[in-house]
Amino acid sequence: MAAALPDDPIIRVRDVTAGYGETAILEHVTFDVRRGEIFVILGGSGSGKSTLLKHMIGLEPTLAGSILIDGDDIVTAEGDLRQAILRRFGVMYQSGALFGSMTLAENVRLPLEEYTDLDDGEIALIARMKLAMVGLDAYTGHLPAEVSGGMQKRAAIARALALDPKIVFLDEPSAGLDPITSAELDALVRRLARGLGVTFVIVSHELPSIFAIADRVIMVDRARRGIVAEGDPRELCDSSPDPWVRRFFHREAEPLPA
């Protein structure tokens, strides 16, 4: 196989209709995520951004369309192929979703114990290495309740990286964090993306984080049931032809009716 070009898409979403049951939230959504980029899905509350993420990671079935993860469609894949696709990415959920009765190291060990044949010593070493990558090498034996919210998010990222995935999905990583901790998490994501060559797909509505880390964004809107903007957020902020998009980036309220 030829070496991938920097702009070669690692994810291809094609004509996807996303929703629950017979209710469509987003319709005919099409976009690419390039290898190694930090790609952000943004939008207002209830816009469908987290719904789209759940479909991209296979938690919810699409109502229509295809989602290719490094060339294979997660929508139609079954059996061993589906398991292979799931191994290509890691996920950090909004709350971190760490197991409270397990130490940080034990949480990071879980994917390795479930999906590899490594012995206990190798698993322990990898878990320590992953936690060191996110600055938590001194906290491997701590329970989630014994560390801060920002540390819990870092540990969840370490767990998402446990199997050396090509892609990491982060759902609202800055939610509930103070500005300094949020900025530190942004810096960590940038360092991991550039240092490891990992592709990050992030759901967020935190404008400071979006401007700090995003290479490209798509903005989704439930009222219009699709993508209303795509590109560099710094350019969309002032140059989008859509006034709603510009208001979003400038945090301007909707004009009151006359």
C-alpha atoms as a PDB file:
ATOM      1  CA  MET A   1       0.000   0.000   0.000  1.00  0.00           C
ATOM      2  CA  ALA A   2       1.318   3.460  -0.878  1.00  0.00           C
ATOM      3  CA  ALA A   3       2.160   5.843   1.935  1.00  0.00           C
ATOM      4  CA  ALA A   4      -0.771   8.056   2.841  1.00  0.00           C
ATOM      5  CA  LEU A   5      -0.594  11.685   1.825  1.00  0.00           C
ATOM      6  CA  PRO A   6      -1.055  14.240   4.628  1.00  0.00           C
ATOM      7  CA  ASP A   7      -4.490  15.200   3.318  1.00  0.00           C
ATOM      8  CA  ASP A   8      -5.584  11.608   2.665  1.00  0.00           C
ATOM      9  CA  PRO A   9      -8.847  11.141   4.589  1.00  0.00           C
ATOM     10  CA  ILE A  10      -8.771   8.588   7.377  1.00  0.00           C
ATOM     11  CA  ILE A  11     -12.535   9.006   7.912  1.00  0.00           C
ATOM     12  CA  ARG A  12     -15.064   9.469   5.117  1.00  0.00           C
ATOM     13  CA  VAL A  13     -18.641  10.253   6.105  1.00  0.00           C
ATOM     14  CA  ARG A  14     -20.956  10.003   3.108  1.00  0.00           C
ATOM     15  CA  ASP A  15     -24.623  11.043   2.902  1.00  0.00           C
ATOM     16  CA  VAL A  16     -25.283  10.055   6.517  1.00  0.00           C
ATOM     17  CA  THR A  17     -28.652  10.549   8.124  1.00  0.00           C
ATOM     18  CA  ALA A  18     -28.271  10.335  11.888  1.00  0.00           C
ATOM     19  CA  GLY A  19     -30.947  10.039  14.518  1.00  0.00           C
ATOM     20  CA  TYR A  20     -32.835   7.663  16.760  1.00  0.00           C
ATOM     21  CA  GLY A  21     -35.574   5.300  15.678  1.00  0.00           C
ATOM     22  CA  GLU A  22     -37.403   6.993  12.835  1.00  0.00           C
ATOM     23  CA  THR A  23     -36.436  10.506  13.986  1.00  0.00           C
ATOM     24  CA  ALA A  24     -33.709  12.100  11.876  1.00  0.00           C
ATOM     25  CA  ILE A  25     -31.639  14.791  13.592  1.00  0.00           C
ATOM     26  CA  LEU A  26     -29.072  15.331  10.819  1.00  0.00           C
ATOM     27  CA  GLU A  27     -29.634  14.475   7.166  1.00  0.00           C
ATOM     28  CA  HIS A  28     -27.327  13.877   4.173  1.00  0.00           C
ATOM     29  CA  VAL A  29     -24.145  14.749   6.091  1.00  0.00           C
ATOM     30  CA  THR A  30     -20.916  14.388   4.098  1.00  0.00           C
ATOM     31  CA  PHE A  31     -17.366  15.297   5.165  1.00  0.00           C
ATOM     32  CA  ASP A  32     -13.813  13.954   5.445  1.00  0.00           C
ATOM     33  CA  VAL A  33     -11.362  13.860   8.334  1.00  0.00           C
ATOM     34  CA  ARG A  34      -7.726  13.987   7.231  1.00  0.00           C
ATOM     35  CA  ARG A  35      -4.972  11.899   8.759  1.00  0.00           C
ATOM     36  CA  GLY A  36      -3.194  13.550  11.665  1.00  0.00           C
ATOM     37  CA  GLU A  37      -5.455  16.574  11.962  1.00  0.00           C
ATOM     38  CA  ILE A  38      -7.417  17.887  14.927  1.00  0.00           C
ATOM     39  CA  PHE A  39     -10.978  17.982  13.632  1.00  0.00           C
ATOM     40  CA  VAL A  40     -13.774  19.540  15.682  1.00  0.00           C
ATOM     41  CA  ILE A  41     -17.524  18.978  15.386  1.00  0.00           C
ATOM     42  CA  LEU A  42     -19.273  21.987  16.865  1.00  0.00           C
ATOM     43  CA  GLY A  43     -22.701  23.492  17.150  1.00  0.00           C
ATOM     44  CA  GLY A  44     -25.207  24.823  19.621  1.00  0.00           C
ATOM     45  CA  SER A  45     -26.903  22.825  22.354  1.00  0.00           C
ATOM     46  CA  GLY A  46     -29.030  20.065  20.872  1.00  0.00           C
ATOM     47  CA  SER A  47     -27.526  20.550  17.415  1.00  0.00           C
ATOM     48  CA  GLY A  48     -26.739  16.864  16.941  1.00  0.00           C
ATOM     49  CA  LYS A  49     -22.953  16.978  17.346  1.00  0.00           C
ATOM     50  CA  SER A  50     -22.823  14.240  20.006  1.00  0.00           C
ATOM     51  CA  THR A  51     -25.373  12.229  18.052  1.00  0.00           C
ATOM     52  CA  LEU A  52     -23.087  12.375  15.020  1.00  0.00           C
ATOM     53  CA  LEU A  53     -20.159  11.220  17.155  1.00  0.00           C
ATOM     54  CA  LYS A  54     -22.118   8.235  18.469  1.00  0.00           C
ATOM     55  CA  HIS A  55     -22.817   7.178  14.883  1.00  0.00           C
ATOM     56  CA  MET A  56     -19.175   7.614  13.881  1.00  0.00           C
ATOM     57  CA  ILE A  57     -17.983   5.277  16.637  1.00  0.00           C
ATOM     58  CA  GLY A  58     -20.694   2.697  15.983  1.00  0.00           C
ATOM     59  CA  LEU A  59     -22.742   3.213  19.152  1.00  0.00           C
ATOM     60  CA  GLU A  60     -25.824   4.051  17.104  1.00  0.00           C
ATOM     61  CA  PRO A  61     -26.801   2.740  13.651  1.00  0.00           C
ATOM     62  CA  THR A  62     -27.155   5.304  10.899  1.00  0.00           C
ATOM     63  CA  LEU A  63     -30.536   5.757   9.260  1.00  0.00           C
ATOM     64  CA  ALA A  64     -28.736   6.050   5.905  1.00  0.00           C
ATOM     65  CA  GLY A  65     -25.257   6.546   4.497  1.00  0.00           C
ATOM     66  CA  SER A  66     -21.771   5.194   5.128  1.00  0.00           C
ATOM     67  CA  ILE A  67     -18.929   5.942   7.544  1.00  0.00           C
ATOM     68  CA  LEU A  68     -15.570   4.641   6.370  1.00  0.00           C
ATOM     69  CA  ILE A  69     -12.885   4.294   9.042  1.00  0.00           C
ATOM     70  CA  ASP A  70      -9.555   3.898   7.248  1.00  0.00           C
ATOM     71  CA  GLY A  71     -11.346   2.435   4.252  1.00  0.00           C
ATOM     72  CA  ASP A  72     -13.864   0.117   5.935  1.00  0.00           C
ATOM     73  CA  ASP A  73     -17.523   0.955   6.530  1.00  0.00           C
ATOM     74  CA  ILE A  74     -18.403   0.702  10.222  1.00  0.00           C
ATOM     75  CA  VAL A  75     -22.095   0.921   9.306  1.00  0.00           C
ATOM     76  CA  THR A  76     -22.193  -2.414   7.474  1.00  0.00           C
ATOM     77  CA  ALA A  77     -19.227  -4.242   9.035  1.00  0.00           C
ATOM     78  CA  GLU A  78     -19.921  -7.325  11.139  1.00  0.00           C
ATOM     79  CA  GLY A  79     -17.964  -9.913  13.099  1.00  0.00           C
ATOM     80  CA  ASP A  80     -14.171  -9.816  12.926  1.00  0.00           C
ATOM     81  CA  LEU A  81     -14.117  -6.853  10.537  1.00  0.00           C
ATOM     82  CA  ARG A  82     -16.206  -4.742  12.889  1.00  0.00           C
ATOM     83  CA  GLN A  83     -13.921  -5.639  15.794  1.00  0.00           C
ATOM     84  CA  ALA A  84     -10.908  -4.694  13.697  1.00  0.00           C
ATOM     85  CA  ILE A  85     -12.461  -1.305  12.882  1.00  0.00           C
ATOM     86  CA  LEU A  86     -13.237  -0.658  16.559  1.00  0.00           C
ATOM     87  CA  ARG A  87      -9.583  -1.350  17.401  1.00  0.00           C
ATOM     88  CA  ARG A  88      -8.536   1.522  15.112  1.00  0.00           C
ATOM     89  CA  PHE A  89      -9.862   4.215  17.431  1.00  0.00           C
ATOM     90  CA  GLY A  90     -10.103   5.133  21.087  1.00  0.00           C
ATOM     91  CA  VAL A  91     -12.848   7.164  22.774  1.00  0.00           C
ATOM     92  CA  MET A  92     -12.934   9.572  25.697  1.00  0.00           C
ATOM     93  CA  TYR A  93     -16.495  10.223  26.807  1.00  0.00           C
ATOM     94  CA  GLN A  94     -17.607  13.557  28.248  1.00  0.00           C
ATOM     95  CA  SER A  95     -17.506  12.447  31.873  1.00  0.00           C
ATOM     96  CA  GLY A  96     -14.293  10.485  31.414  1.00  0.00           C
ATOM     97  CA  ALA A  97     -16.249   7.298  32.241  1.00  0.00           C
ATOM     98  CA  LEU A  98     -13.495   5.903  34.445  1.00  0.00           C
ATOM     99  CA  PHE A  99     -14.364   3.000  36.730  1.00  0.00           C
ATOM    100  CA  GLY A 100     -14.434   4.535  40.198  1.00  0.00           C
ATOM    101  CA  SER A 101     -13.374   1.366  42.029  1.00  0.00           C
ATOM    102  CA  MET A 102     -10.226   0.983  39.911  1.00  0.00           C
ATOM    103  CA  THR A 103      -6.991   2.948  40.033  1.00  0.00           C
ATOM    104  CA  LEU A 104      -5.964   5.059  37.065  1.00  0.00           C
ATOM    105  CA  ALA A 105      -3.504   2.354  36.026  1.00  0.00           C
ATOM    106  CA  GLU A 106      -6.170  -0.336  36.292  1.00  0.00           C
ATOM    107  CA  ASN A 107      -8.489   1.735  34.108  1.00  0.00           C
ATOM    108  CA  VAL A 108      -5.808   2.063  31.420  1.00  0.00           C
ATOM    109  CA  ARG A 109      -5.029  -1.661  31.658  1.00  0.00           C
ATOM    110  CA  LEU A 110      -8.594  -2.685  30.758  1.00  0.00           C
ATOM    111  CA  PRO A 111      -8.356  -2.456  26.935  1.00  0.00           C
ATOM    112  CA  LEU A 112      -4.983  -4.221  27.016  1.00  0.00           C
ATOM    113  CA  GLU A 113      -6.344  -7.063  29.136  1.00  0.00           C
ATOM    114  CA  GLU A 114      -9.432  -7.381  26.934  1.00  0.00           C
ATOM    115  CA  TYR A 115      -7.907  -7.133  23.468  1.00  0.00           C
ATOM    116  CA  THR A 116      -4.279  -8.293  23.679  1.00  0.00           C
ATOM    117  CA  ASP A 117      -2.356 -11.404  24.695  1.00  0.00           C
ATOM    118  CA  LEU A 118       0.348  -9.454  26.525  1.00  0.00           C
ATOM    119  CA  ASP A 119       1.500 -10.730  29.904  1.00  0.00           C
ATOM    120  CA  ASP A 120       0.863  -8.862  33.121  1.00  0.00           C
ATOM    121  CA  GLY A 121       4.284  -7.221  33.226  1.00  0.00           C
ATOM    122  CA  GLU A 122       3.968  -5.894  29.686  1.00  0.00           C
ATOM    123  CA  ILE A 123       0.477  -4.573  30.375  1.00  0.00           C
ATOM    124  CA  ALA A 124       1.629  -2.834  33.549  1.00  0.00           C
ATOM    125  CA  LEU A 125       4.532  -1.214  31.678  1.00  0.00           C
ATOM    126  CA  ILE A 126       2.309   0.056  28.856  1.00  0.00           C
ATOM    127  CA  ALA A 127      -0.254   1.427  31.321  1.00  0.00           C
ATOM    128  CA  ARG A 128       2.465   3.362  33.137  1.00  0.00           C
ATOM    129  CA  MET A 129       3.837   4.654  29.832  1.00  0.00           C
ATOM    130  CA  LYS A 130       0.423   5.865  28.671  1.00  0.00           C
ATOM    131  CA  LEU A 131      -0.220   7.647  31.958  1.00  0.00           C
ATOM    132  CA  ALA A 132       3.238   9.217  31.771  1.00  0.00           C
ATOM    133  CA  MET A 133       2.373  10.532  28.299  1.00  0.00           C
ATOM    134  CA  VAL A 134      -0.465  12.552  29.826  1.00  0.00           C
ATOM    135  CA  GLY A 135       1.511  13.684  32.860  1.00  0.00           C
ATOM    136  CA  LEU A 136       0.060  11.254  35.391  1.00  0.00           C
ATOM    137  CA  ASP A 137       3.030   8.969  36.063  1.00  0.00           C
ATOM    138  CA  ALA A 138       2.924   9.968  39.754  1.00  0.00           C
ATOM    139  CA  TYR A 139      -0.776   9.063  40.100  1.00  0.00           C
ATOM    140  CA  THR A 140      -0.983   5.517  38.719  1.00  0.00           C
ATOM    141  CA  GLY A 141      -2.227   4.089  42.029  1.00  0.00           C
ATOM    142  CA  HIS A 142      -4.833   6.781  42.692  1.00  0.00           C
ATOM    143  CA  LEU A 143      -8.571   6.229  42.347  1.00  0.00           C
ATOM    144  CA  PRO A 144     -10.491   8.633  40.069  1.00  0.00           C
ATOM    145  CA  ALA A 145     -12.120  10.287  43.106  1.00  0.00           C
ATOM    146  CA  GLU A 146      -8.669  11.079  44.490  1.00  0.00           C
ATOM    147  CA  VAL A 147      -7.622  13.241  41.536  1.00  0.00           C
ATOM    148  CA  SER A 148      -9.023  16.387  39.937  1.00  0.00           C
ATOM    149  CA  GLY A 149     -11.489  16.530  37.073  1.00  0.00           C
ATOM    150  CA  GLY A 150      -8.724  17.537  34.680  1.00  0.00           C
ATOM    151  CA  MET A 151      -6.628  14.553  35.767  1.00  0.00           C
ATOM    152  CA  GLN A 152      -9.597  12.255  35.230  1.00  0.00           C
ATOM    153  CA  LYS A 153      -9.893  13.561  31.666  1.00  0.00           C
ATOM    154  CA  ARG A 154      -6.160  12.954  31.129  1.00  0.00           C
ATOM    155  CA  ALA A 155      -6.469   9.409  32.448  1.00  0.00           C
ATOM    156  CA  ALA A 156      -9.401   8.797  30.121  1.00  0.00           C
ATOM    157  CA  ILE A 157      -7.264   9.981  27.199  1.00  0.00           C
ATOM    158  CA  ALA A 158      -4.490   7.632  28.323  1.00  0.00           C
ATOM    159  CA  ARG A 159      -6.996   4.765  28.299  1.00  0.00           C
ATOM    160  CA  ALA A 160      -8.191   5.795  24.827  1.00  0.00           C
ATOM    161  CA  LEU A 161      -4.556   5.584  23.672  1.00  0.00           C
ATOM    162  CA  ALA A 162      -3.896   2.192  25.285  1.00  0.00           C
ATOM    163  CA  LEU A 163      -4.110   0.174  22.059  1.00  0.00           C
ATOM    164  CA  ASP A 164      -2.169   2.724  19.961  1.00  0.00           C
ATOM    165  CA  PRO A 165      -5.181   3.738  17.841  1.00  0.00           C
ATOM    166  CA  LYS A 166      -4.941   5.807  14.682  1.00  0.00           C
ATOM    167  CA  ILE A 167      -7.907   7.945  15.763  1.00  0.00           C
ATOM    168  CA  VAL A 168      -9.082   9.279  19.127  1.00  0.00           C
ATOM    169  CA  PHE A 169     -12.593  10.662  19.631  1.00  0.00           C
ATOM    170  CA  LEU A 170     -13.107  13.140  22.467  1.00  0.00           C
ATOM    171  CA  ASP A 171     -16.615  14.144  23.572  1.00  0.00           C
ATOM    172  CA  GLU A 172     -16.632  17.622  25.163  1.00  0.00           C
ATOM    173  CA  PRO A 173     -13.175  17.252  26.763  1.00  0.00           C
ATOM    174  CA  SER A 174     -13.251  20.743  28.314  1.00  0.00           C
ATOM    175  CA  ALA A 175     -16.697  20.391  29.885  1.00  0.00           C
ATOM    176  CA  GLY A 176     -16.645  21.273  33.577  1.00  0.00           C
ATOM    177  CA  LEU A 177     -13.017  22.409  33.605  1.00  0.00           C
ATOM    178  CA  ASP A 178     -11.694  25.793  34.678  1.00  0.00           C
ATOM    179  CA  PRO A 179      -9.970  27.919  31.989  1.00  0.00           C
ATOM    180  CA  ILE A 180      -6.417  27.040  33.045  1.00  0.00           C
ATOM    181  CA  THR A 181      -7.071  23.300  33.214  1.00  0.00           C
ATOM    182  CA  SER A 182      -8.898  23.497  29.882  1.00  0.00           C
ATOM    183  CA  ALA A 183      -5.917  25.264  28.283  1.00  0.00           C
ATOM    184  CA  GLU A 184      -3.578  22.593  29.678  1.00  0.00           C
ATOM    185  CA  LEU A 185      -5.770  19.880  28.168  1.00  0.00           C
ATOM    186  CA  ASP A 186      -5.722  21.709  24.816  1.00  0.00           C
ATOM    187  CA  ALA A 187      -1.919  21.783  24.930  1.00  0.00           C
ATOM    188  CA  LEU A 188      -1.862  18.049  25.679  1.00  0.00           C
ATOM    189  CA  VAL A 189      -4.096  17.271  22.697  1.00  0.00           C
ATOM    190  CA  ARG A 190      -1.894  19.359  20.401  1.00  0.00           C
ATOM    191  CA  ARG A 191       1.241  17.622  21.673  1.00  0.00           C
ATOM    192  CA  LEU A 192      -0.228  14.138  21.264  1.00  0.00           C
ATOM    193  CA  ALA A 193      -1.574  14.885  17.797  1.00  0.00           C
ATOM    194  CA  ARG A 194       1.740  16.251  16.540  1.00  0.00           C
ATOM    195  CA  GLY A 195       3.996  13.864  18.449  1.00  0.00           C
ATOM    196  CA  LEU A 196       2.127  10.627  17.771  1.00  0.00           C
ATOM    197  CA  GLY A 197       0.490  11.477  14.460  1.00  0.00           C
ATOM    198  CA  VAL A 198      -2.886  10.557  15.949  1.00  0.00           C
ATOM    199  CA  THR A 199      -6.032  11.975  14.363  1.00  0.00           C
ATOM    200  CA  PHE A 200      -8.310  13.647  16.900  1.00  0.00           C
ATOM    201  CA  VAL A 201     -12.043  14.084  16.336  1.00  0.00           C
ATOM    202  CA  ILE A 202     -13.470  16.324  19.039  1.00  0.00           C
ATOM    203  CA  VAL A 203     -17.015  17.360  19.883  1.00  0.00           C
ATOM    204  CA  SER A 204     -16.978  20.786  21.511  1.00  0.00           C
ATOM    205  CA  HIS A 205     -18.715  24.129  21.783  1.00  0.00           C
ATOM    206  CA  GLU A 206     -15.927  25.750  23.845  1.00  0.00           C
ATOM    207  CA  LEU A 207     -14.745  28.548  21.552  1.00  0.00           C
ATOM    208  CA  PRO A 208     -11.359  29.187  23.233  1.00  0.00           C
ATOM    209  CA  SER A 209     -10.447  25.510  22.857  1.00  0.00           C
ATOM    210  CA  ILE A 210     -11.707  25.383  19.281  1.00  0.00           C
ATOM    211  CA  PHE A 211      -9.588  28.362  18.262  1.00  0.00           C
ATOM    212  CA  ALA A 212      -6.578  26.959  20.114  1.00  0.00           C
ATOM    213  CA  ILE A 213      -6.476  23.441  18.696  1.00  0.00           C
ATOM    214  CA  ALA A 214      -8.717  22.915  15.664  1.00  0.00           C
ATOM    215  CA  ASP A 215      -7.178  22.470  12.230  1.00  0.00           C
ATOM    216  CA  ARG A 216     -10.666  22.289  10.730  1.00  0.00           C
ATOM    217  CA  VAL A 217     -14.240  22.251  11.976  1.00  0.00           C
ATOM    218  CA  ILE A 218     -17.699  21.409  10.815  1.00  0.00           C
ATOM    219  CA  MET A 219     -20.651  23.190  12.384  1.00  0.00           C
ATOM    220  CA  VAL A 220     -23.951  21.338  12.551  1.00  0.00           C
ATOM    221  CA  ASP A 221     -27.374  22.840  13.116  1.00  0.00           C
ATOM    222  CA  ARG A 222     -30.467  20.864  14.057  1.00  0.00           C
ATOM    223  CA  ALA A 223     -32.891  23.421  12.617  1.00  0.00           C
ATOM    224  CA  ARG A 224     -31.306  22.926   9.199  1.00  0.00           C
ATOM    225  CA  ARG A 225     -30.522  19.274   9.898  1.00  0.00           C
ATOM    226  CA  GLY A 226     -27.007  19.342   8.567  1.00  0.00           C
ATOM    227  CA  ILE A 227     -23.641  21.025   8.195  1.00  0.00           C
ATOM    228  CA  VAL A 228     -23.861  24.803   7.948  1.00  0.00           C
ATOM    229  CA  ALA A 229     -20.126  25.605   7.889  1.00  0.00           C
ATOM    230  CA  GLU A 230     -16.826  23.816   7.301  1.00  0.00           C
ATOM    231  CA  GLY A 231     -13.231  25.012   7.376  1.00  0.00           C
ATOM    232  CA  ASP A 232     -10.673  26.817   9.526  1.00  0.00           C
ATOM    233  CA  PRO A 233     -12.547  28.290  12.529  1.00  0.00           C
ATOM    234  CA  ARG A 234     -10.394  31.407  12.468  1.00  0.00           C
ATOM    235  CA  GLU A 235     -11.549  32.106   8.922  1.00  0.00           C
ATOM    236  CA  LEU A 236     -15.180  31.174   9.512  1.00  0.00           C
ATOM    237  CA  CYS A 237     -15.321  33.568  12.450  1.00  0.00           C
ATOM    238  CA  ASP A 238     -15.201  36.629  10.202  1.00  0.00           C
ATOM    239  CA  SER A 239     -15.609  35.335   6.674  1.00  0.00           C
ATOM    240  CA  SER A 240     -18.480  32.856   6.761  1.00  0.00           C
ATOM    241  CA  PRO A 241     -21.297  33.903   4.418  1.00  0.00           C
ATOM    242  CA  ASP A 242     -23.773  32.634   7.017  1.00  0.00           C
ATOM    243  CA  PRO A 243     -24.652  35.332   9.602  1.00  0.00           C
ATOM    244  CA  TRP A 244     -25.696  32.683  12.144  1.00  0.00           C
ATOM    245  CA  VAL A 245     -22.224  31.112  11.940  1.00  0.00           C
ATOM    246  CA  ARG A 246     -20.541  34.490  12.460  1.00  0.00           C
ATOM    247  CA  ARG A 247     -22.797  35.228  15.445  1.00  0.00           C
ATOM    248  CA  PHE A 248     -21.921  31.847  16.964  1.00  0.00           C
ATOM    249  CA  PHE A 249     -18.178  32.482  16.751  1.00  0.00           C
ATOM    250  CA  HIS A 250     -18.550  36.025  18.070  1.00  0.00           C
ATOM    251  CA  ARG A 251     -20.951  34.930  20.856  1.00  0.00           C
ATOM    252  CA  GLU A 252     -23.616  37.377  19.690  1.00  0.00           C
ATOM    253  CA  ALA A 253     -27.231  36.924  20.670  1.00  0.00           C
ATOM    254  CA  GLU A 254     -29.941  36.557  18.073  1.00  0.00           C
ATOM    255  CA  PRO A 255     -31.358  39.984  17.160  1.00  0.00           C
ATOM    256  CA  LEU A 256     -34.685  40.685  18.851  1.00  0.00           C
ATOM    257  CA  PRO A 257     -37.746  40.960  16.628  1.00  0.00           C
ATOM    258  CA  ALA A 258     -38.810  44.522  15.830  1.00  0.00           C
END
